[in-house]
Protein backbone atom coordinates (compact mmCIF):
# COMPACT_ATOMS: atom_id res chain seq x y z
CA MET A 1 14.04 -49.83 -13.88
CA SER A 2 17.69 -48.83 -13.82
CA SER A 3 19.66 -46.82 -16.31
CA SER A 4 23.12 -45.39 -16.76
CA THR A 5 22.99 -41.71 -17.53
CA ALA A 6 25.87 -39.39 -18.25
CA VAL A 7 25.87 -35.95 -16.68
CA PRO A 8 27.87 -33.50 -18.82
CA GLY A 9 31.47 -33.30 -17.62
CA GLN A 10 31.05 -36.10 -15.08
CA SER A 11 31.15 -39.88 -15.00
CA PRO A 12 27.92 -41.79 -15.75
CA ILE A 13 25.38 -42.20 -12.95
CA ALA A 14 24.02 -45.71 -12.49
CA GLU A 15 20.78 -44.97 -10.65
CA THR A 16 17.03 -45.30 -11.09
CA ALA A 17 15.78 -42.84 -13.70
CA PRO A 18 13.69 -40.04 -12.16
CA LEU A 19 10.04 -39.44 -12.90
CA SER A 20 8.84 -36.66 -15.16
CA LEU A 21 5.83 -34.60 -14.09
CA CYS A 22 5.41 -33.64 -17.74
CA ALA A 23 4.70 -37.29 -18.60
CA LEU A 24 1.82 -37.54 -16.12
CA GLU A 25 -1.82 -36.68 -16.81
CA PRO A 26 -3.71 -37.90 -13.73
CA HIS A 27 -7.48 -38.31 -13.72
CA VAL A 28 -9.17 -37.70 -10.38
CA PRO A 29 -12.71 -39.05 -9.81
CA ALA A 30 -15.14 -36.77 -8.01
CA ASP A 31 -15.41 -39.08 -4.98
CA ARG A 32 -11.67 -38.73 -4.41
CA LEU A 33 -12.02 -34.95 -4.38
CA VAL A 34 -14.54 -35.26 -1.53
CA ALA A 35 -12.60 -37.91 0.39
CA GLU A 36 -9.42 -35.84 0.24
CA MET A 37 -11.01 -32.76 1.82
CA VAL A 38 -8.95 -33.18 4.99
CA PRO A 39 -5.90 -31.27 6.26
CA PRO A 40 -2.89 -32.01 4.03
CA PRO A 41 -0.07 -34.28 5.27
CA ARG A 42 2.00 -31.33 6.48
CA PHE A 43 -0.76 -30.56 8.97
CA ASP A 44 -1.76 -34.09 10.01
CA SER A 45 -0.33 -33.77 13.50
CA VAL A 46 -0.78 -30.06 14.24
CA ARG A 47 -2.89 -29.04 17.20
CA PHE A 48 -3.55 -25.84 19.10
CA ASP A 49 -0.93 -26.83 21.68
CA THR A 50 1.71 -27.30 18.97
CA TYR A 51 1.22 -23.75 17.71
CA VAL A 52 4.02 -21.59 19.13
CA PRO A 53 2.82 -17.98 19.35
CA ASP A 54 5.31 -15.19 18.84
CA PRO A 55 5.63 -13.58 22.31
CA ASP A 56 5.71 -10.17 20.63
CA GLN A 57 2.36 -10.78 18.91
CA PRO A 58 -0.55 -10.98 21.41
CA SER A 59 -3.01 -11.50 18.55
CA GLN A 60 -1.56 -14.99 18.05
CA VAL A 61 -2.30 -15.97 21.65
CA GLU A 62 -5.79 -14.51 21.33
CA ALA A 63 -6.39 -16.47 18.11
CA VAL A 64 -5.69 -19.79 19.85
CA LYS A 65 -8.12 -18.89 22.64
CA VAL A 66 -10.90 -17.81 20.27
CA LEU A 67 -10.55 -20.81 17.96
CA SER A 68 -10.39 -23.28 20.85
CA GLY A 69 -13.67 -21.88 22.13
CA PHE A 70 -15.15 -21.96 18.63
CA ALA A 71 -14.26 -25.66 18.29
CA THR A 72 -15.78 -26.47 21.67
CA GLY A 73 -18.98 -24.73 20.67
CA LEU A 74 -19.34 -26.89 17.58
CA GLY A 75 -20.39 -29.99 19.53
CA GLY A 76 -23.97 -31.22 19.66
CA ALA A 77 -26.32 -33.50 17.80
CA HIS A 78 -25.24 -32.37 14.35
CA ALA A 79 -21.64 -33.32 15.17
CA THR A 80 -22.63 -36.90 16.01
CA GLY A 81 -24.17 -37.46 12.63
CA THR A 82 -27.84 -37.04 13.50
CA GLY A 83 -27.89 -33.87 11.41
CA LYS A 84 -26.97 -35.73 8.21
CA ARG A 85 -30.63 -35.96 7.24
CA LYS A 86 -31.38 -32.34 8.02
CA TRP A 87 -31.06 -31.41 4.34
CA PHE A 88 -34.22 -33.41 3.66
CA GLY A 89 -36.10 -32.27 6.78
CA ARG A 90 -36.57 -29.08 8.71
CA LYS A 91 -34.12 -26.24 8.44
CA ALA A 92 -31.74 -25.60 11.31
CA ALA A 93 -32.76 -23.02 13.87
CA PRO A 94 -31.26 -19.59 13.18
CA VAL A 95 -27.89 -18.98 14.79
CA ALA A 96 -27.22 -15.65 16.46
CA GLY A 97 -24.25 -13.88 14.88
CA PRO A 98 -21.85 -15.20 12.24
CA LEU A 99 -21.44 -18.98 12.16
CA GLY A 100 -17.87 -18.63 11.03
CA VAL A 101 -14.41 -17.24 11.74
CA TYR A 102 -12.08 -15.61 9.26
CA LEU A 103 -8.34 -15.67 9.98
CA ASP A 104 -6.66 -12.68 8.39
CA GLY A 105 -2.92 -12.13 8.44
CA GLY A 106 0.30 -12.03 6.46
CA TYR A 107 2.30 -14.92 5.05
CA GLY A 108 3.66 -17.55 7.40
CA VAL A 109 1.99 -16.44 10.65
CA GLY A 110 0.50 -19.91 11.10
CA LYS A 111 -3.03 -19.40 9.77
CA THR A 112 -3.19 -22.81 8.10
CA HIS A 113 -1.74 -24.44 11.25
CA LEU A 114 -4.57 -22.86 13.26
CA LEU A 115 -7.22 -23.76 10.67
CA ALA A 116 -6.09 -27.40 10.66
CA SER A 117 -6.00 -27.38 14.47
CA LEU A 118 -9.61 -26.19 14.47
CA TRP A 119 -10.53 -29.06 12.15
CA HIS A 120 -8.82 -31.59 14.45
CA ALA A 121 -10.35 -30.06 17.61
CA THR A 122 -13.93 -29.90 16.35
CA PRO A 123 -15.92 -32.71 18.02
CA ALA A 124 -17.23 -34.41 14.90
CA ALA A 125 -16.32 -37.47 12.86
CA PRO A 126 -13.85 -36.78 10.02
CA SER A 127 -16.61 -37.52 7.51
CA LEU A 128 -18.58 -34.58 8.94
CA LYS A 129 -15.72 -32.09 8.55
CA ALA A 130 -14.22 -30.78 5.31
CA PHE A 131 -10.93 -28.96 4.75
CA GLY A 132 -9.70 -27.61 1.45
CA THR A 133 -8.28 -24.60 -0.31
CA PHE A 134 -10.54 -22.12 -2.04
CA VAL A 135 -9.41 -23.51 -5.40
CA GLU A 136 -10.18 -27.07 -4.30
CA LEU A 137 -13.66 -25.99 -3.21
CA THR A 138 -14.45 -24.40 -6.57
CA ASN A 139 -13.01 -27.47 -8.30
CA LEU A 140 -15.35 -29.65 -6.25
CA VAL A 141 -18.32 -27.64 -7.49
CA GLY A 142 -17.04 -28.09 -11.02
CA ALA A 143 -16.79 -31.85 -10.55
CA LEU A 144 -20.06 -32.48 -8.69
CA GLY A 145 -22.24 -29.60 -9.81
CA PHE A 146 -23.64 -26.93 -7.50
CA GLN A 147 -26.66 -28.77 -6.11
CA GLN A 148 -24.75 -31.99 -5.46
CA THR A 149 -22.00 -30.04 -3.69
CA VAL A 150 -24.58 -28.36 -1.46
CA GLN A 151 -26.17 -31.71 -0.67
CA THR A 152 -22.79 -33.36 -0.01
CA LEU A 153 -21.51 -30.66 2.34
CA SER A 154 -24.78 -29.66 4.03
CA GLY A 155 -24.54 -32.57 6.46
CA HIS A 156 -21.11 -31.44 7.65
CA ARG A 157 -20.49 -29.73 10.95
CA LEU A 158 -17.57 -27.64 9.71
CA LEU A 159 -16.14 -26.45 6.41
CA CYS A 160 -12.59 -25.06 6.53
CA ILE A 161 -11.44 -23.02 3.51
CA ASP A 162 -7.74 -22.23 3.26
CA GLU A 163 -6.36 -19.36 1.16
CA PHE A 164 -9.75 -17.76 0.58
CA GLU A 165 -9.44 -15.31 -2.32
CA LEU A 166 -11.90 -14.19 -4.97
CA ASP A 167 -10.25 -13.93 -8.35
CA ASP A 168 -13.15 -13.31 -10.71
CA PRO A 169 -16.83 -12.36 -10.69
CA GLY A 170 -17.95 -15.93 -11.37
CA ASP A 171 -16.22 -17.22 -8.26
CA THR A 172 -17.77 -14.42 -6.22
CA VAL A 173 -21.32 -15.40 -7.10
CA LEU A 174 -20.59 -19.13 -6.89
CA VAL A 175 -18.99 -19.08 -3.44
CA SER A 176 -21.46 -16.56 -2.06
CA SER A 177 -24.37 -18.79 -3.10
CA LEU A 178 -22.69 -21.98 -1.88
CA LEU A 179 -21.78 -20.65 1.56
CA SER A 180 -25.20 -19.07 2.03
CA ARG A 181 -26.84 -22.43 1.40
CA LEU A 182 -24.45 -24.21 3.74
CA VAL A 183 -24.96 -21.67 6.52
CA GLU A 184 -28.72 -22.15 6.16
CA ALA A 185 -28.11 -25.88 6.62
CA GLY A 186 -26.22 -25.23 9.85
CA VAL A 187 -22.66 -25.74 8.60
CA ALA A 188 -20.03 -23.74 10.50
CA LEU A 189 -17.39 -21.97 8.40
CA ALA A 190 -13.74 -21.14 8.98
CA ALA A 191 -11.39 -19.57 6.46
CA THR A 192 -7.92 -18.14 6.11
CA SER A 193 -6.81 -15.37 3.82
CA ASN A 194 -4.54 -12.39 3.50
CA THR A 195 -7.56 -10.18 2.76
CA LEU A 196 -10.32 -9.12 5.14
CA PRO A 197 -13.81 -10.34 4.10
CA GLY A 198 -15.05 -6.83 3.28
CA LYS A 199 -12.07 -6.26 0.98
CA LEU A 200 -12.38 -9.46 -1.06
CA GLY A 201 -12.02 -8.89 -4.77
CA GLU A 202 -10.23 -5.55 -4.56
CA GLY A 203 -7.73 -5.03 -7.36
CA ARG A 204 -8.91 -8.06 -9.34
CA PHE A 205 -12.15 -7.03 -11.02
CA ALA A 206 -14.89 -4.42 -10.86
CA ALA A 207 -15.78 -5.22 -7.26
CA ALA A 208 -18.46 -2.54 -7.16
CA ASP A 209 -20.56 -4.60 -9.56
CA PHE A 210 -20.52 -7.46 -7.08
CA LEU A 211 -20.72 -5.47 -3.84
CA ARG A 212 -23.90 -7.21 -2.69
CA GLU A 213 -22.35 -10.67 -3.04
CA ILE A 214 -19.11 -9.62 -1.33
CA GLN A 215 -21.00 -8.07 1.58
CA GLY A 216 -23.03 -11.24 1.86
CA LEU A 217 -19.88 -13.29 2.18
CA SER A 218 -18.51 -10.97 4.84
CA SER A 219 -21.64 -11.37 6.97
CA HIS A 220 -20.92 -15.08 7.43
CA PHE A 221 -17.62 -14.50 9.24
CA ARG A 222 -16.19 -12.95 12.38
CA PRO A 223 -12.78 -11.54 11.34
CA LEU A 224 -9.86 -12.55 13.53
CA ARG A 225 -6.62 -10.67 12.83
CA ILE A 226 -3.31 -12.53 13.31
CA ASP A 227 -0.19 -10.39 13.20
CA GLY A 228 3.42 -11.51 12.95
CA GLU A 229 6.35 -12.22 10.68
CA ASP A 230 6.69 -15.20 8.32
CA TYR A 231 7.67 -18.07 10.63
CA ARG A 232 9.17 -19.96 7.68
CA HIS A 233 12.02 -17.45 7.71
CA ARG A 234 12.01 -16.61 11.43
CA GLY A 235 15.50 -17.30 12.75
CA LEU A 236 16.40 -19.48 9.76
CA PRO A 237 19.18 -19.05 7.21
CA ALA A 238 18.41 -17.51 3.84
CA ALA A 239 17.13 -19.80 1.13
CA PRO A 240 19.94 -21.57 -0.75
CA ALA A 241 21.00 -20.14 -4.09
CA PRO A 242 19.97 -22.17 -7.16
CA TYR A 243 22.24 -25.06 -8.08
CA SER A 244 23.72 -25.94 -11.47
CA ASP A 245 21.87 -28.09 -13.98
CA GLU A 246 24.42 -30.85 -13.35
CA GLN A 247 23.89 -30.79 -9.59
CA VAL A 248 20.11 -30.90 -9.96
CA THR A 249 20.25 -33.74 -12.50
CA ARG A 250 22.65 -35.79 -10.38
CA ALA A 251 20.47 -35.30 -7.29
CA ALA A 252 17.36 -36.39 -9.23
CA TYR A 253 19.03 -39.64 -10.29
CA ALA A 254 20.37 -40.27 -6.81
CA THR A 255 17.04 -39.67 -5.01
CA ALA A 256 14.41 -42.40 -5.02
CA GLY A 257 11.03 -41.05 -6.06
CA ALA A 258 12.41 -37.77 -7.43
CA SER A 259 11.06 -36.08 -10.52
CA LEU A 260 13.18 -34.19 -13.04
CA ASP A 261 11.75 -31.62 -15.44
CA ASP A 262 12.76 -28.58 -17.42
CA PHE A 263 10.94 -25.65 -15.80
CA PRO A 264 9.55 -24.05 -19.00
CA ALA A 265 8.31 -27.46 -20.16
CA LEU A 266 6.60 -28.03 -16.81
CA LEU A 267 4.83 -24.67 -17.06
CA ASP A 268 3.53 -25.68 -20.49
CA HIS A 269 2.34 -29.02 -19.09
CA LEU A 270 0.44 -27.36 -16.26
CA ALA A 271 -1.71 -25.63 -18.87
CA ARG A 272 -2.88 -29.08 -20.05
CA VAL A 273 -3.73 -30.42 -16.58
CA HIS A 274 -6.67 -29.06 -14.59
CA PRO A 275 -5.53 -27.47 -11.30
CA SER A 276 -7.79 -29.86 -9.38
CA ARG A 277 -5.38 -32.61 -10.46
CA TYR A 278 -2.14 -30.95 -9.36
CA GLY A 279 -2.23 -32.84 -6.07
CA ALA A 280 -2.58 -36.15 -7.89
CA LEU A 281 0.24 -35.03 -10.20
CA THR A 282 2.59 -35.28 -7.22
CA ASP A 283 1.37 -38.68 -5.95
CA GLY A 284 4.40 -40.77 -5.00
CA VAL A 285 6.86 -37.94 -5.71
CA ARG A 286 9.43 -37.48 -2.95
CA ALA A 287 11.36 -34.54 -4.43
CA VAL A 288 10.84 -32.20 -7.37
CA CYS A 289 13.96 -31.29 -9.35
CA LEU A 290 13.74 -28.45 -11.87
CA THR A 291 16.28 -27.16 -14.36
CA ASP A 292 16.41 -23.77 -16.04
CA VAL A 293 14.01 -21.86 -13.77
CA GLN A 294 12.99 -18.68 -15.60
CA PRO A 295 10.61 -15.78 -14.99
CA VAL A 296 6.99 -16.81 -15.42
CA PRO A 297 5.82 -15.38 -18.76
CA ASP A 298 2.23 -14.38 -18.03
CA GLN A 299 -0.45 -14.15 -15.37
CA SER A 300 -2.35 -17.33 -16.29
CA THR A 301 0.84 -19.37 -16.07
CA ALA A 302 1.75 -17.66 -12.80
CA LEU A 303 -1.58 -18.55 -11.19
CA ARG A 304 -1.20 -22.20 -12.20
CA LEU A 305 2.26 -22.23 -10.65
CA VAL A 306 0.81 -20.83 -7.43
CA VAL A 307 -1.56 -23.81 -7.20
CA LEU A 308 1.28 -26.27 -7.80
CA ALA A 309 3.41 -24.54 -5.15
CA ASP A 310 0.53 -24.91 -2.67
CA ARG A 311 0.16 -28.62 -3.39
CA LEU A 312 3.93 -29.21 -3.06
CA TYR A 313 4.01 -27.30 0.21
CA ASP A 314 1.00 -29.18 1.59
CA ARG A 315 2.74 -32.46 0.86
CA GLU A 316 6.17 -31.33 2.14
CA ILE A 317 7.88 -32.17 -1.16
CA PRO A 318 11.32 -30.49 -1.37
CA VAL A 319 12.14 -28.56 -4.54
CA LEU A 320 15.67 -28.46 -5.95
CA ALA A 321 16.24 -26.04 -8.81
CA SER A 322 18.74 -24.47 -11.16
CA GLY A 323 18.37 -21.15 -12.95
CA LEU A 324 16.91 -18.08 -11.28
CA PRO A 325 16.10 -17.96 -7.54
CA PHE A 326 12.41 -18.25 -6.67
CA ASP A 327 12.12 -14.63 -5.59
CA ARG A 328 12.64 -13.65 -9.24
CA LEU A 329 9.86 -15.83 -10.67
CA PHE A 330 7.30 -13.03 -10.91
CA SER A 331 7.67 -9.65 -12.57
CA ASP A 332 7.39 -6.36 -10.69
CA GLU A 333 4.08 -5.79 -12.45
CA MET A 334 2.74 -9.10 -11.09
CA LEU A 335 4.04 -8.41 -7.57
CA ASN A 336 2.31 -5.03 -7.58
CA GLY A 337 -0.95 -6.25 -9.10
CA GLY A 338 -4.18 -7.72 -7.78
CA TYR A 339 -2.74 -11.22 -7.30
CA ARG A 340 0.39 -10.08 -5.44
CA LYS A 341 -0.60 -11.88 -2.24
CA LYS A 342 -0.79 -15.17 -4.07
CA TYR A 343 2.61 -14.62 -5.65
CA PHE A 344 4.29 -13.66 -2.38
CA ARG A 345 2.77 -16.76 -0.77
CA ALA A 346 4.17 -18.92 -3.57
CA ILE A 347 7.62 -17.36 -3.18
CA SER A 348 7.51 -17.95 0.57
CA ARG A 349 6.47 -21.58 0.20
CA LEU A 350 8.88 -22.43 -2.62
CA THR A 351 11.70 -20.83 -0.63
CA ALA A 352 10.88 -23.07 2.33
CA LEU A 353 10.82 -26.14 0.06
CA ALA A 354 14.13 -25.12 -1.53
CA ARG A 355 15.64 -24.99 1.94
CA ASP A 356 14.27 -28.50 2.61
CA ALA A 357 16.01 -29.73 -0.56
CA LYS A 358 19.54 -28.76 0.49
CA GLY A 359 20.24 -32.27 1.78
CA LEU A 360 19.65 -33.77 -1.67
CA VAL A 361 22.85 -32.26 -3.06
CA ALA A 362 26.05 -34.16 -2.38
CA GLN A 363 28.56 -32.02 -0.52
């Protein structure tokens, strides 16, 4: 459908009208949630040999070695599918030591690249490996129910959990119980986070009340520290400054598959869409154009924006914006609070996507 739209102060644009994320309310069936537990498109082709360690960070070289060995050790009968029926038969033999690895490090050191590489390198059919963010995992439990989630994942050889963070007591108990059941079924675990397993939950809630559950989670993993600077900004120019409303609007109309939304309106819309559907919200979108970017008003809104930023980054969707730069989205109080790591990750990822969007603006 074509339209002729006038941009203030400029001649009309005769282009295809952009989409509006605010007009979309996707519904995602539970079976799609399970089928989509694979590395996101950005990490389809990553492998251990495409990871470029920083020569000044020996921990990055060591991480590749450890994870390659971990993947090799995950072969065997269970990986071929013969373990699918184990849930209904005898329990797996006890495994000595943690049946999991936990990649700890700062933003942009390549943890997700390494986690996806582990998924690809593990000798098992894709249907016997699962990959998802912590939020996607808890959403899966919400969609299937706890017992059905255990039964669905217990036949897997490997469960990879990206951005592992505990944000409330309910999640602590839920994930602790889920992972304990999966480990008993012989499922190997791998996770990334910016927080060591023994420190999960600090600064977010009364962690002392849930110490037993947190310690139980920690026992499932061997921590693997990865040091380094954010590769998304390593040797690259600074993120572009925000554009004008007119530039963003013109780019949205000139870009096939682009969306165009007012930022405050989009934040309101996110409150009406469950975070498990944010990925589906971006189906078919090739660029996200936002006008009037403003500081995020409260913590609940900020956490929803973090999930959307993750889904946009996973799908490599550039973001073109007017208003404030992305490093001013969150207040000082937010950046110094218990969720600061999530907010810094969102800033890092949105900055990378803003850099990707530079080519959408006519010079």
